[in-house]
Amino acid sequence: MTVSAVKLHRVVEGPGDGPVVVLGGSLGSDLRMWEPQVAPLVERGFRVVRYDTRGHGASPVPSGPYELDDLGADVLALLDDLGVARAHLVGLSLGGMIAMWLGVHAPDRVASLVLCCTSAKLGPPRMWADRARTVRAEGTAAVAEAGVGRWLTPGYAERHPDRAEFLRAMIAAVPAEGYAACCGAIERMDLLDVLPKIAAPTLVIAGADDPATPVEGHADLIAKGIPGARLEIVANAAHLGNYEQPEEFGRLILGHLEAM
């Protein structure tokens, strides 16, 4: 299979000579979802690279289908474009799946992994096919409310209606084809058997209240599958845990990166 990478939209912040941290986001998000993490990382001397996954934000929207191989090749092309030999990869949900793929297929490019609120196999496949069909027919606005319902705990959404609306609008702005084609990549993904091939030092962070990728059956399997991986569970966090609990996610991410 020939994989053709696209040039991802990216924002690079921090010292040019700092260790590089690449932040990869969730299905339905753009690089703004990582705003809470940027300043703490930059202040500690890291060069922070955020990107929009293909089909999302300001990145190109090639016609589907997409596979995880395609999304991984896009990030490798991003590293090449920036002249980065090795990077720390921090990925949430789909971004974590891409980071695991890179840990398996491009281990020489990966300094360490932080895998947040993600899964190595996220079924049932029909759910993804149905969601892709809905989005292609009705647009991403049709799934935005449900998406925020998975991203945030109800209490947080009630206390911060402005932030919930910001995230709702973020999902609704994603191009339908990009979102739907990424659904297909998740539908066909199965990394469980290759997790033992990952050699990078790995931290797995889960949200205790994540309805999309619960600890049991997702984070726990990743932590058991990757040699030496460590699992941390953050209270009062749903699927977009880095946004809902930025201080705790930031503390854990920085602790892992600075231990390298």
Protein backbone atom coordinates (compact mmCIF):
# COMPACT_ATOMS: atom_id res chain seq x y z
CA MET A 1 0.00 0.00 0.00
CA THR A 2 1.31 3.44 -0.93
CA VAL A 3 0.82 6.04 1.76
CA SER A 4 0.71 9.64 0.60
CA ALA A 5 1.32 12.13 3.40
CA VAL A 6 -0.30 15.55 3.51
CA LYS A 7 1.28 18.71 4.91
CA LEU A 8 -0.36 19.23 8.26
CA HIS A 9 -1.21 22.65 9.63
CA ARG A 10 0.95 23.24 12.66
CA VAL A 11 1.81 25.83 15.30
CA VAL A 12 5.31 25.75 16.79
CA GLU A 13 6.09 27.55 20.06
CA GLY A 14 9.00 27.64 22.47
CA PRO A 15 12.79 27.72 22.18
CA GLY A 16 14.21 26.55 18.88
CA ASP A 17 16.79 24.38 20.62
CA GLY A 18 14.43 22.82 23.17
CA PRO A 19 13.39 19.15 23.25
CA VAL A 20 10.47 18.77 20.85
CA VAL A 21 7.02 17.76 22.12
CA VAL A 22 4.37 17.00 19.50
CA LEU A 23 0.74 17.26 20.62
CA GLY A 24 -1.85 15.26 18.67
CA GLY A 25 -5.56 15.69 19.31
CA SER A 26 -8.90 13.95 19.39
CA LEU A 27 -11.25 13.15 16.56
CA GLY A 28 -13.36 16.28 16.09
CA SER A 29 -10.81 18.68 17.55
CA ASP A 30 -8.26 21.10 16.23
CA LEU A 31 -4.97 22.16 17.76
CA ARG A 32 -6.70 24.66 20.08
CA MET A 33 -7.67 21.76 22.35
CA TRP A 34 -4.07 21.78 23.64
CA GLU A 35 -3.99 25.46 24.64
CA PRO A 36 -3.96 24.69 28.39
CA GLN A 37 -0.72 22.68 28.03
CA VAL A 38 1.34 25.01 25.84
CA ALA A 39 2.55 27.66 28.29
CA PRO A 40 3.68 25.22 31.02
CA LEU A 41 5.68 23.20 28.49
CA VAL A 42 7.25 26.27 26.88
CA GLU A 43 8.14 27.71 30.30
CA ARG A 44 10.08 24.52 31.05
CA GLY A 45 12.09 24.85 27.85
CA PHE A 46 10.25 22.55 25.47
CA ARG A 47 9.62 23.31 21.81
CA VAL A 48 5.91 22.58 21.42
CA VAL A 49 4.44 21.48 18.09
CA ARG A 50 0.66 21.26 17.78
CA TYR A 51 -0.95 20.01 14.61
CA ASP A 52 -4.37 19.58 13.06
CA THR A 53 -4.98 15.96 12.02
CA ARG A 54 -5.70 15.55 8.31
CA GLY A 55 -9.32 16.41 7.60
CA HIS A 56 -9.45 18.68 10.66
CA GLY A 57 -8.85 22.36 11.36
CA ALA A 58 -6.67 24.02 8.74
CA SER A 59 -5.06 20.81 7.48
CA PRO A 60 -5.88 19.43 4.02
CA VAL A 61 -8.99 17.27 3.58
CA PRO A 62 -8.12 14.56 1.05
CA SER A 63 -10.96 12.27 0.09
CA GLY A 64 -11.20 9.08 2.14
CA PRO A 65 -10.72 6.39 3.08
CA TYR A 66 -7.99 7.16 5.61
CA GLU A 67 -6.07 4.51 7.52
CA LEU A 68 -4.00 4.89 10.69
CA ASP A 69 -0.95 4.37 8.45
CA ASP A 70 -1.88 7.57 6.57
CA LEU A 71 -2.27 9.59 9.75
CA GLY A 72 1.06 8.30 11.07
CA ALA A 73 2.81 9.11 7.80
CA ASP A 74 1.46 12.67 8.06
CA VAL A 75 3.18 13.13 11.43
CA LEU A 76 6.44 11.65 10.15
CA ALA A 77 6.29 14.14 7.26
CA LEU A 78 5.67 16.91 9.80
CA LEU A 79 8.79 15.90 11.74
CA ASP A 80 10.79 15.77 8.52
CA ASP A 81 9.50 19.18 7.46
CA LEU A 82 10.56 20.68 10.79
CA GLY A 83 13.93 18.94 10.75
CA VAL A 84 13.13 17.03 13.95
CA ALA A 85 14.96 13.71 14.30
CA ARG A 86 13.21 12.57 17.51
CA ALA A 87 10.28 13.95 19.47
CA HIS A 88 8.24 13.28 22.55
CA LEU A 89 4.71 12.42 21.38
CA VAL A 90 1.71 13.37 23.49
CA GLY A 91 -1.55 12.17 21.96
CA LEU A 92 -5.14 12.17 23.16
CA SER A 93 -7.71 9.75 21.73
CA LEU A 94 -7.04 9.62 17.95
CA GLY A 95 -3.76 11.46 18.60
CA GLY A 96 -2.79 8.70 21.02
CA MET A 97 -3.61 6.04 18.43
CA ILE A 98 -1.34 7.81 15.95
CA ALA A 99 1.38 8.07 18.60
CA MET A 100 1.19 4.32 19.29
CA TRP A 101 1.41 3.62 15.55
CA LEU A 102 4.58 5.73 15.42
CA GLY A 103 5.97 3.93 18.45
CA VAL A 104 5.58 0.65 16.55
CA HIS A 105 6.53 1.73 13.03
CA ALA A 106 9.03 4.56 13.58
CA PRO A 107 10.66 3.85 16.95
CA ASP A 108 13.80 5.80 16.07
CA ARG A 109 11.73 9.00 15.81
CA VAL A 110 10.05 8.62 19.22
CA ALA A 111 11.78 9.83 22.40
CA SER A 112 8.83 9.01 24.65
CA LEU A 113 5.06 8.60 24.59
CA VAL A 114 2.24 10.07 26.66
CA LEU A 115 -1.02 8.37 25.70
CA CYS A 116 -4.09 10.18 26.99
CA CYS A 117 -7.70 8.95 27.02
CA THR A 118 -7.08 6.58 24.13
CA SER A 119 -7.49 3.00 22.98
CA ALA A 120 -5.61 0.39 20.97
CA LYS A 121 -8.88 -1.06 19.64
CA LEU A 122 -12.08 0.96 19.90
CA GLY A 123 -15.23 -0.80 18.80
CA PRO A 124 -17.79 -1.70 17.91
CA PRO A 125 -16.97 -1.09 14.22
CA ARG A 126 -20.62 -0.46 13.35
CA MET A 127 -20.70 2.54 15.69
CA TRP A 128 -17.97 4.23 13.65
CA ALA A 129 -19.60 3.35 10.34
CA ASP A 130 -22.92 4.74 11.58
CA ARG A 131 -21.32 7.94 12.85
CA ALA A 132 -19.45 8.46 9.58
CA ARG A 133 -22.70 7.98 7.67
CA THR A 134 -24.46 10.53 9.88
CA VAL A 135 -21.71 13.11 9.43
CA ARG A 136 -21.58 12.68 5.66
CA ALA A 137 -25.35 13.13 5.49
CA GLU A 138 -25.92 15.88 8.06
CA GLY A 139 -22.51 17.47 8.79
CA THR A 140 -20.43 17.51 11.96
CA ALA A 141 -22.90 19.78 13.74
CA ALA A 142 -25.12 16.70 14.02
CA VAL A 143 -22.61 15.00 16.34
CA ALA A 144 -21.24 18.06 18.17
CA GLU A 145 -23.56 17.92 21.17
CA ALA A 146 -22.92 14.22 21.75
CA GLY A 147 -19.19 14.83 21.29
CA VAL A 148 -19.08 17.43 24.05
CA GLY A 149 -21.08 15.01 26.18
CA ARG A 150 -18.20 12.56 25.91
CA TRP A 151 -15.44 15.17 26.21
CA LEU A 152 -16.63 16.83 29.43
CA THR A 153 -18.23 15.61 32.63
CA PRO A 154 -21.77 17.01 33.07
CA GLY A 155 -20.74 19.04 36.09
CA TYR A 156 -17.89 20.76 34.24
CA ALA A 157 -20.12 21.56 31.28
CA GLU A 158 -22.72 23.08 33.62
CA ARG A 159 -20.13 25.21 35.43
CA HIS A 160 -18.40 26.34 32.23
CA PRO A 161 -21.06 26.73 29.53
CA ASP A 162 -18.78 29.03 27.53
CA ARG A 163 -16.08 26.38 27.32
CA ALA A 164 -18.60 23.69 26.42
CA GLU A 165 -19.87 25.93 23.63
CA PHE A 166 -16.31 26.58 22.43
CA LEU A 167 -15.74 22.83 22.11
CA ARG A 168 -19.16 22.27 20.51
CA ALA A 169 -18.32 24.84 17.86
CA MET A 170 -14.89 23.24 17.37
CA ILE A 171 -16.49 19.89 16.50
CA ALA A 172 -19.12 21.51 14.28
CA ALA A 173 -16.38 23.28 12.28
CA VAL A 174 -14.59 20.05 11.30
CA PRO A 175 -15.09 19.18 7.60
CA ALA A 176 -17.57 16.32 7.28
CA GLU A 177 -15.35 14.23 5.01
CA GLY A 178 -12.34 14.63 7.27
CA TYR A 179 -14.29 13.60 10.36
CA ALA A 180 -16.01 10.69 8.61
CA ALA A 181 -12.80 9.37 7.05
CA CYS A 182 -11.06 9.47 10.43
CA CYS A 183 -14.00 7.49 11.86
CA GLY A 184 -13.12 4.85 9.28
CA ALA A 185 -9.49 4.78 10.40
CA ILE A 186 -10.59 4.19 14.00
CA GLU A 187 -13.15 1.59 12.89
CA ARG A 188 -10.40 -0.51 11.25
CA MET A 189 -7.67 0.08 13.86
CA ASP A 190 -6.34 -2.78 15.97
CA LEU A 191 -3.03 -2.17 17.73
CA LEU A 192 -3.46 -4.60 20.62
CA ASP A 193 -1.14 -7.29 19.27
CA VAL A 194 1.68 -4.86 18.40
CA LEU A 195 1.79 -2.93 21.69
CA PRO A 196 4.68 -5.11 22.99
CA LYS A 197 6.81 -3.77 20.10
CA ILE A 198 6.76 -0.26 21.58
CA ALA A 199 10.08 0.43 23.29
CA ALA A 200 9.67 4.16 24.07
CA PRO A 201 9.16 5.12 27.73
CA THR A 202 5.39 5.40 28.00
CA LEU A 203 2.95 7.11 30.34
CA VAL A 204 -0.74 6.26 29.95
CA ILE A 205 -3.18 8.82 31.38
CA ALA A 206 -6.87 8.01 31.72
CA GLY A 207 -9.87 10.03 32.82
CA ALA A 208 -11.74 8.34 35.65
CA ASP A 209 -15.06 9.43 34.11
CA ASP A 210 -14.23 8.89 30.43
CA PRO A 211 -17.26 7.31 28.70
CA ALA A 212 -15.49 6.94 25.34
CA THR A 213 -12.32 5.11 26.40
CA PRO A 214 -12.90 3.87 29.96
CA VAL A 215 -9.92 2.73 32.00
CA GLU A 216 -11.13 -0.87 31.94
CA GLY A 217 -10.69 -2.33 28.48
CA HIS A 218 -8.68 0.58 27.11
CA ALA A 219 -6.07 2.39 29.23
CA ASP A 220 -5.41 -0.74 31.29
CA LEU A 221 -4.80 -2.86 28.19
CA ILE A 222 -2.39 -0.29 26.75
CA ALA A 223 -0.46 -0.06 30.02
CA LYS A 224 -0.24 -3.85 30.25
CA GLY A 225 0.69 -4.25 26.59
CA ILE A 226 3.55 -1.74 26.38
CA PRO A 227 6.63 -2.93 28.30
CA GLY A 228 7.30 -0.75 31.33
CA ALA A 229 4.35 1.58 30.75
CA ARG A 230 2.87 3.42 33.71
CA LEU A 231 -0.84 4.15 34.16
CA GLU A 232 -2.21 7.24 35.91
CA ILE A 233 -5.94 7.84 36.40
CA VAL A 234 -7.16 11.43 36.78
CA ALA A 235 -10.32 12.04 38.82
CA ASN A 236 -13.18 14.19 37.53
CA ALA A 237 -12.07 13.93 33.92
CA ALA A 238 -14.03 12.68 30.93
CA HIS A 239 -12.59 12.12 27.44
CA LEU A 240 -10.95 15.52 26.87
CA GLY A 241 -9.17 15.19 30.17
CA ASN A 242 -6.36 17.59 29.31
CA TYR A 243 -8.92 20.37 28.86
CA GLU A 244 -11.08 19.58 31.88
CA GLN A 245 -8.18 18.90 34.28
CA PRO A 246 -5.31 20.87 32.72
CA GLU A 247 -3.22 21.21 35.86
CA GLU A 248 -3.18 17.51 36.67
CA PHE A 249 -2.59 16.45 33.07
CA GLY A 250 0.12 19.09 32.78
CA ARG A 251 1.81 17.87 35.96
CA LEU A 252 1.83 14.27 34.76
CA ILE A 253 3.00 15.13 31.24
CA LEU A 254 5.82 17.37 32.49
CA GLY A 255 6.89 14.83 35.07
CA HIS A 256 7.21 12.15 32.40
CA LEU A 257 9.05 14.36 29.91
CA GLU A 258 11.48 15.77 32.47
CA ALA A 259 12.37 12.27 33.67
CA MET A 260 13.75 11.40 30.23
